[in-house]
Amino acid sequence: MLKRQSPGAPEHSRDPAAHGAALPMSHNDSRSFFNLSQLVLSAGQIKPSPALKHSKVTYFEVEIVDVQSKKQICIVDKVPPASTVLDVKHKFHKACPQWYPSRVGLQLERNGPFLKDSISIQSLAVSSIITLYFTDLGQQVGWTTFFLTEYTGPLLIYLLFYIRLSTIYDQVESGKSFRHPVVHLACFCHCLHYIRHLLETLFVHKFSEGHTPLKNMIKGCAFYWGFTSWIAYYINHPRYTPPSFGHKQVSYAALAFLMCEAGNHFINVALAHQTNSGNRTCFPSPTYNPFTWLFLLVSCPNYTYEAGSWISFTVMTQTLPVGIFAFLMVIQMSLWAQKKHKLYLKRFYPEVRRKAAMIPIIF
């Protein structure tokens, strides 16, 4: 039974809130509060502003020290791990503008080899601070400039002697003397040789590292230009005497010269093709071109053909200056071939071990 409330009770006595008491929450009120909470949660929680994350990239400090005085030149800071030695050289150049990158030589040890530009800094790091020793390599020139200068000189110098300038030969004696056909043939072969070198420098060869000391170019030019002047003076002299065995000696020697020039060109093209294609995992193999078959016997056939060209030119002209020049060239190219052959043995041992360096049969 429900107990009836007395009608005499005052109205405010039924309202507990009027006396400051807490209101009991009804079922509908709690459901409304729950829905409101769900609405707030669905709109997204109020998150505090995220704290800045610290970068985990480790930067290196490269200390540049003079190799002779052992004094610190500068410190290149904030060097990323992916940077290379060339990047450090550029930053060093910004700190010290007088040392441009191609002139800077950096070593990990005082007596160690110069570091290549492509080496990554991370591979050199033992700690966050890397010490590199600086050497001034002197005035530098590009390899393309080096070879163009070295080969253009002999081409022009020989032509000056060929036209018999009055400042070089006696004009009266030059006008009376008869030029043997070998003189014209020698001029053609000599020009062909250096024109081939110039064209291959521009369109075939790909040079690495990009620079060489200026003093090397001066020495190379002095050697080639000086010998060219001596050779051209004798061959184009009005009193020049033709080879002892006459036409046969000249013809066979000229044919051998042209074959060596062609072989040298095709070998250089084959080597350049291997570099451009990126296939450096195997030694260059002979192709259908017979001039490349020399790869079966020697590891540096381009030097073999170069030596053959100058030996043939010596036989064709039969002059002492050419013979001395050819002898020195064979010695120099033999040294280059031996050095390159050792590198080939490390990279392509099974394929190169039975080959000679430059001259077939001679190991």
Foldseek 3Di string as FASTA:
>chain_A
DDDDDDPPDDPCVVPPVVVPDDDDDDPVRVVVVVVVVVVVVVVDDDDDDDDDDDDPFQWAKEWEAALVVRHTDDIDTRHGQQAFQLVVQCSVCVVPVVQHSLQKFKDQDSPDHTDARGHTPNVQDPDRYGYIHIDGNADKDFPLVLLVLLLVLLLVLLVVLQVPDVVQAPPVLLVPFDQDPLLVVLNVLSNVLSVLSNVCSVPQDDDPPTIHHPVVSVVSNCLRNVLSNVVSSQSNYSPHDFAPVPPVQQVVLSVQLVLLSVLLNVVSNQVSVCVVVVPPQEQRDDDPPVSRNCVQAASCANLLSVLSNLVSSCSNRVDDSSVVVSVVSNVVSLVVLVVVLVVCCVRHVVRSVRHHRHDGPPD
